[in-house]
């Protein structure tokens, strides 16, 4: 289980503020998002540098508007959404690398 410094309601409030363009909220959400993303990437068994690149790409995409696609309103839905975003980026990364 993830050990967040913030409660679930705080994280959901951060998501709401991020959608509103609050840069402080983005900075606060980055840590928990990275933790979730790293867990999602473990099964790919990638070198740390590749995982860092994928995670950076996924978080940049979310910052650029991808977070607006989150339809859920619970912490479980937020975690699932973040994992899907990171795994999708990892799959695209691996496909591009194999070409």
N, C-alpha and C. Protein backbone atom coordinates (compact mmCIF):
# COMPACT_ATOMS: atom_id res chain seq x y z
N UNK A 1 0.84 -1.18 0.00
CA UNK A 1 0.00 0.00 0.00
C UNK A 1 0.88 1.24 0.00
N UNK A 2 0.45 2.26 -0.69
CA UNK A 2 1.21 3.49 -0.75
C UNK A 2 1.16 4.22 0.58
N UNK A 3 2.27 4.81 0.96
CA UNK A 3 2.34 5.55 2.20
C UNK A 3 2.46 7.03 1.85
N UNK A 4 1.33 7.69 1.70
CA UNK A 4 1.33 9.10 1.33
C UNK A 4 1.43 9.96 2.57
N UNK A 5 2.12 11.08 2.44
CA UNK A 5 2.20 12.05 3.53
C UNK A 5 0.88 12.79 3.67
N UNK A 6 0.09 12.76 2.65
CA UNK A 6 -1.20 13.46 2.65
C UNK A 6 -2.33 12.45 2.69
N UNK A 7 -3.44 12.86 3.20
CA UNK A 7 -4.61 11.98 3.21
C UNK A 7 -5.20 11.91 1.80
N UNK A 8 -6.08 10.95 1.60
CA UNK A 8 -6.72 10.79 0.29
C UNK A 8 -7.48 12.04 -0.11
N UNK A 9 -8.18 12.66 0.84
CA UNK A 9 -8.93 13.86 0.49
C UNK A 9 -8.00 15.00 0.09
N UNK A 10 -6.81 15.07 0.71
CA UNK A 10 -5.84 16.09 0.33
C UNK A 10 -5.35 15.86 -1.10
N UNK A 11 -5.10 14.60 -1.46
CA UNK A 11 -4.64 14.29 -2.82
C UNK A 11 -5.71 14.64 -3.85
N UNK A 12 -6.94 14.32 -3.53
CA UNK A 12 -8.03 14.65 -4.46
C UNK A 12 -8.20 16.16 -4.58
N UNK A 13 -7.98 16.87 -3.52
CA UNK A 13 -8.03 18.34 -3.57
C UNK A 13 -6.88 18.87 -4.43
N UNK A 14 -5.72 18.24 -4.35
CA UNK A 14 -4.60 18.64 -5.20
C UNK A 14 -4.94 18.44 -6.67
N UNK A 15 -5.59 17.35 -7.00
CA UNK A 15 -6.00 17.09 -8.39
C UNK A 15 -6.93 18.21 -8.86
N UNK A 16 -7.87 18.56 -8.03
CA UNK A 16 -8.80 19.63 -8.38
C UNK A 16 -8.04 20.94 -8.62
N UNK A 17 -7.10 21.25 -7.75
CA UNK A 17 -6.32 22.47 -7.91
C UNK A 17 -5.42 22.41 -9.15
N UNK A 18 -4.88 21.23 -9.43
CA UNK A 18 -4.05 21.06 -10.63
C UNK A 18 -4.86 21.34 -11.88
N UNK A 19 -6.06 20.83 -11.91
CA UNK A 19 -6.94 21.08 -13.05
C UNK A 19 -7.21 22.56 -13.23
N UNK A 20 -7.15 23.31 -12.13
CA UNK A 20 -7.34 24.75 -12.18
C UNK A 20 -6.06 25.52 -12.50
N UNK A 21 -4.95 24.78 -12.68
CA UNK A 21 -3.70 25.42 -13.07
C UNK A 21 -2.82 25.89 -11.92
N UNK A 22 -3.04 25.42 -10.71
CA UNK A 22 -2.26 25.82 -9.55
C UNK A 22 -0.88 25.16 -9.58
N UNK A 23 0.20 25.95 -9.77
CA UNK A 23 1.54 25.35 -9.86
C UNK A 23 2.00 24.72 -8.55
N UNK A 24 1.58 25.24 -7.42
CA UNK A 24 1.95 24.65 -6.13
C UNK A 24 1.32 23.27 -5.98
N UNK A 25 0.10 23.12 -6.46
CA UNK A 25 -0.57 21.83 -6.39
C UNK A 25 0.17 20.81 -7.25
N UNK A 26 0.65 21.24 -8.42
CA UNK A 26 1.41 20.33 -9.28
C UNK A 26 2.67 19.85 -8.57
N UNK A 27 3.36 20.76 -7.90
CA UNK A 27 4.57 20.36 -7.18
C UNK A 27 4.24 19.38 -6.06
N UNK A 28 3.14 19.61 -5.36
CA UNK A 28 2.76 18.74 -4.26
C UNK A 28 2.29 17.37 -4.75
N UNK A 29 1.66 17.31 -5.91
CA UNK A 29 1.16 16.05 -6.45
C UNK A 29 2.27 15.22 -7.10
N UNK A 30 3.37 15.85 -7.41
CA UNK A 30 4.45 15.18 -8.12
C UNK A 30 5.01 13.98 -7.34
N UNK A 31 5.26 14.16 -6.06
CA UNK A 31 5.84 13.08 -5.25
C UNK A 31 4.97 11.84 -5.21
N UNK A 32 3.70 11.97 -4.81
CA UNK A 32 2.83 10.79 -4.81
C UNK A 32 2.67 10.18 -6.21
N UNK A 33 2.62 11.02 -7.23
CA UNK A 33 2.48 10.52 -8.61
C UNK A 33 3.71 9.72 -9.02
N UNK A 34 4.87 10.19 -8.63
CA UNK A 34 6.10 9.46 -8.95
C UNK A 34 6.13 8.11 -8.24
N UNK A 35 5.69 8.07 -7.01
CA UNK A 35 5.66 6.81 -6.27
C UNK A 35 4.74 5.81 -6.95
N UNK A 36 3.57 6.26 -7.33
CA UNK A 36 2.62 5.39 -8.04
C UNK A 36 3.22 4.93 -9.37
N UNK A 37 3.82 5.86 -10.09
CA UNK A 37 4.42 5.53 -11.38
C UNK A 37 5.55 4.54 -11.26
N UNK A 38 6.38 4.70 -10.26
CA UNK A 38 7.49 3.75 -10.07
C UNK A 38 6.96 2.35 -9.77
N UNK A 39 5.92 2.26 -8.99
CA UNK A 39 5.32 0.95 -8.73
C UNK A 39 4.77 0.34 -10.01
N UNK A 40 4.15 1.15 -10.84
CA UNK A 40 3.59 0.66 -12.10
C UNK A 40 4.69 0.18 -13.05
N UNK A 41 5.86 0.77 -12.97
CA UNK A 41 6.95 0.42 -13.88
C UNK A 41 7.77 -0.78 -13.43
N UNK A 42 7.63 -1.19 -12.20
CA UNK A 42 8.45 -2.31 -11.69
C UNK A 42 8.32 -3.57 -12.53
N UNK A 43 7.13 -3.85 -12.99
CA UNK A 43 6.93 -5.09 -13.76
C UNK A 43 7.64 -5.07 -15.11
N UNK A 44 8.01 -3.89 -15.59
CA UNK A 44 8.71 -3.79 -16.87
C UNK A 44 10.20 -4.10 -16.73
N UNK A 45 10.71 -4.06 -15.53
CA UNK A 45 12.13 -4.36 -15.24
C UNK A 45 13.08 -3.57 -16.14
N UNK A 46 12.85 -2.28 -16.20
CA UNK A 46 13.66 -1.38 -17.02
C UNK A 46 14.82 -0.81 -16.22
N UNK A 47 15.87 -0.40 -16.92
CA UNK A 47 16.92 0.33 -16.22
C UNK A 47 16.34 1.61 -15.60
N UNK A 48 16.94 2.04 -14.51
CA UNK A 48 16.42 3.21 -13.79
C UNK A 48 16.33 4.45 -14.68
N UNK A 49 17.31 4.65 -15.54
CA UNK A 49 17.29 5.82 -16.42
C UNK A 49 16.07 5.79 -17.36
N UNK A 50 15.76 4.61 -17.89
CA UNK A 50 14.58 4.49 -18.77
C UNK A 50 13.30 4.73 -17.98
N UNK A 51 13.23 4.16 -16.79
CA UNK A 51 12.05 4.38 -15.95
C UNK A 51 11.87 5.86 -15.63
N UNK A 52 12.97 6.53 -15.34
CA UNK A 52 12.90 7.96 -15.05
C UNK A 52 12.39 8.75 -16.25
N UNK A 53 12.87 8.38 -17.45
CA UNK A 53 12.42 9.05 -18.68
C UNK A 53 10.93 8.84 -18.92
N UNK A 54 10.49 7.61 -18.75
CA UNK A 54 9.07 7.29 -18.96
C UNK A 54 8.21 8.03 -17.95
N UNK A 55 8.64 8.01 -16.71
CA UNK A 55 7.88 8.68 -15.66
C UNK A 55 7.82 10.18 -15.90
N UNK A 56 8.92 10.76 -16.29
CA UNK A 56 8.96 12.19 -16.60
C UNK A 56 8.02 12.53 -17.75
N UNK A 57 8.03 11.69 -18.78
CA UNK A 57 7.15 11.89 -19.93
C UNK A 57 5.68 11.80 -19.52
N UNK A 58 5.36 10.81 -18.69
CA UNK A 58 3.97 10.63 -18.26
C UNK A 58 3.50 11.82 -17.42
N UNK A 59 4.33 12.28 -16.50
CA UNK A 59 3.95 13.40 -15.65
C UNK A 59 3.85 14.70 -16.45
N UNK A 60 4.71 14.86 -17.45
CA UNK A 60 4.62 16.03 -18.32
C UNK A 60 3.31 16.01 -19.10
N UNK A 61 2.93 14.84 -19.59
CA UNK A 61 1.67 14.72 -20.33
C UNK A 61 0.48 15.03 -19.43
N UNK A 62 0.55 14.59 -18.20
CA UNK A 62 -0.55 14.90 -17.28
C UNK A 62 -0.60 16.40 -17.00
N UNK A 63 0.54 17.00 -16.84
CA UNK A 63 0.59 18.45 -16.58
C UNK A 63 0.09 19.24 -17.78
N UNK A 64 0.30 18.71 -18.96
CA UNK A 64 -0.10 19.40 -20.19
C UNK A 64 -1.58 19.22 -20.52
N UNK A 65 -2.32 18.62 -19.62
CA UNK A 65 -3.75 18.49 -19.85
C UNK A 65 -4.30 17.09 -19.68
N UNK A 66 -3.44 16.12 -19.56
CA UNK A 66 -3.89 14.74 -19.44
C UNK A 66 -4.69 14.46 -18.18
N UNK A 67 -4.44 15.21 -17.14
CA UNK A 67 -5.16 15.00 -15.89
C UNK A 67 -6.65 15.30 -16.05
N UNK A 68 -7.00 16.08 -17.04
CA UNK A 68 -8.41 16.39 -17.29
C UNK A 68 -9.19 15.14 -17.72
N UNK A 69 -8.48 14.10 -18.16
CA UNK A 69 -9.14 12.86 -18.59
C UNK A 69 -9.55 11.98 -17.42
N UNK A 70 -9.06 12.29 -16.22
CA UNK A 70 -9.46 11.53 -15.04
C UNK A 70 -10.93 11.76 -14.77
N UNK A 71 -11.70 10.71 -14.81
CA UNK A 71 -13.15 10.83 -14.63
C UNK A 71 -13.60 10.47 -13.22
N UNK A 72 -12.76 9.79 -12.49
CA UNK A 72 -13.15 9.34 -11.16
C UNK A 72 -12.98 10.41 -10.10
N UNK A 73 -13.51 10.12 -8.95
CA UNK A 73 -13.42 11.05 -7.86
C UNK A 73 -12.92 10.43 -6.57
N UNK A 74 -12.33 9.23 -6.68
CA UNK A 74 -11.81 8.56 -5.50
C UNK A 74 -10.31 8.38 -5.63
N UNK A 75 -9.66 8.11 -4.51
CA UNK A 75 -8.22 7.89 -4.53
C UNK A 75 -7.87 6.63 -5.34
N UNK A 76 -8.71 5.60 -5.26
CA UNK A 76 -8.46 4.38 -6.04
C UNK A 76 -8.51 4.67 -7.53
N UNK A 77 -9.45 5.50 -7.95
CA UNK A 77 -9.55 5.85 -9.37
C UNK A 77 -8.37 6.70 -9.80
N UNK A 78 -7.89 7.57 -8.93
CA UNK A 78 -6.70 8.38 -9.24
C UNK A 78 -5.49 7.48 -9.41
N UNK A 79 -5.30 6.54 -8.50
CA UNK A 79 -4.16 5.62 -8.59
C UNK A 79 -4.24 4.78 -9.85
N UNK A 80 -5.40 4.26 -10.15
CA UNK A 80 -5.58 3.45 -11.37
C UNK A 80 -5.29 4.28 -12.61
N UNK A 81 -5.77 5.52 -12.63
CA UNK A 81 -5.53 6.40 -13.77
C UNK A 81 -4.04 6.65 -13.96
N UNK A 82 -3.34 6.98 -12.88
CA UNK A 82 -1.91 7.24 -12.98
C UNK A 82 -1.16 6.01 -13.47
N UNK A 83 -1.54 4.85 -12.99
CA UNK A 83 -0.88 3.61 -13.43
C UNK A 83 -1.11 3.35 -14.91
N UNK A 84 -2.31 3.60 -15.39
CA UNK A 84 -2.60 3.40 -16.81
C UNK A 84 -1.76 4.35 -17.66
N UNK A 85 -1.68 5.61 -17.25
CA UNK A 85 -0.90 6.59 -18.00
C UNK A 85 0.56 6.16 -18.07
N UNK A 86 1.12 5.76 -16.96
CA UNK A 86 2.54 5.37 -16.92
C UNK A 86 2.77 4.09 -17.71
N UNK A 87 1.92 3.10 -17.55
CA UNK A 87 2.09 1.85 -18.30
C UNK A 87 1.96 2.07 -19.80
N UNK A 88 1.03 2.91 -20.20
CA UNK A 88 0.87 3.21 -21.62
C UNK A 88 2.13 3.86 -22.17
N UNK A 89 2.68 4.80 -21.43
CA UNK A 89 3.94 5.44 -21.86
C UNK A 89 5.07 4.43 -21.94
N UNK A 90 5.12 3.50 -21.00
CA UNK A 90 6.16 2.47 -21.02
C UNK A 90 6.03 1.58 -22.24
N UNK A 91 4.83 1.19 -22.57
CA UNK A 91 4.60 0.34 -23.75
C UNK A 91 5.01 1.08 -25.01
N UNK A 92 4.66 2.34 -25.13
CA UNK A 92 5.07 3.14 -26.30
C UNK A 92 6.58 3.26 -26.36
N UNK A 93 7.21 3.45 -25.21
CA UNK A 93 8.67 3.55 -25.15
C UNK A 93 9.32 2.26 -25.64
N UNK A 94 8.82 1.14 -25.17
CA UNK A 94 9.41 -0.14 -25.56
C UNK A 94 9.17 -0.45 -27.03
N UNK A 95 8.01 -0.10 -27.55
CA UNK A 95 7.75 -0.29 -28.98
C UNK A 95 8.68 0.56 -29.83
N UNK A 96 8.86 1.81 -29.44
CA UNK A 96 9.75 2.70 -30.19
C UNK A 96 11.19 2.22 -30.14
N UNK A 97 11.60 1.71 -29.01
CA UNK A 97 12.98 1.24 -28.84
C UNK A 97 13.24 -0.01 -29.65
N UNK A 98 12.22 -0.85 -29.85
CA UNK A 98 12.42 -2.10 -30.58
C UNK A 98 12.43 -1.90 -32.09
N UNK A 99 12.06 -0.73 -32.56
CA UNK A 99 12.04 -0.48 -34.02
C UNK A 99 13.41 -0.16 -34.54
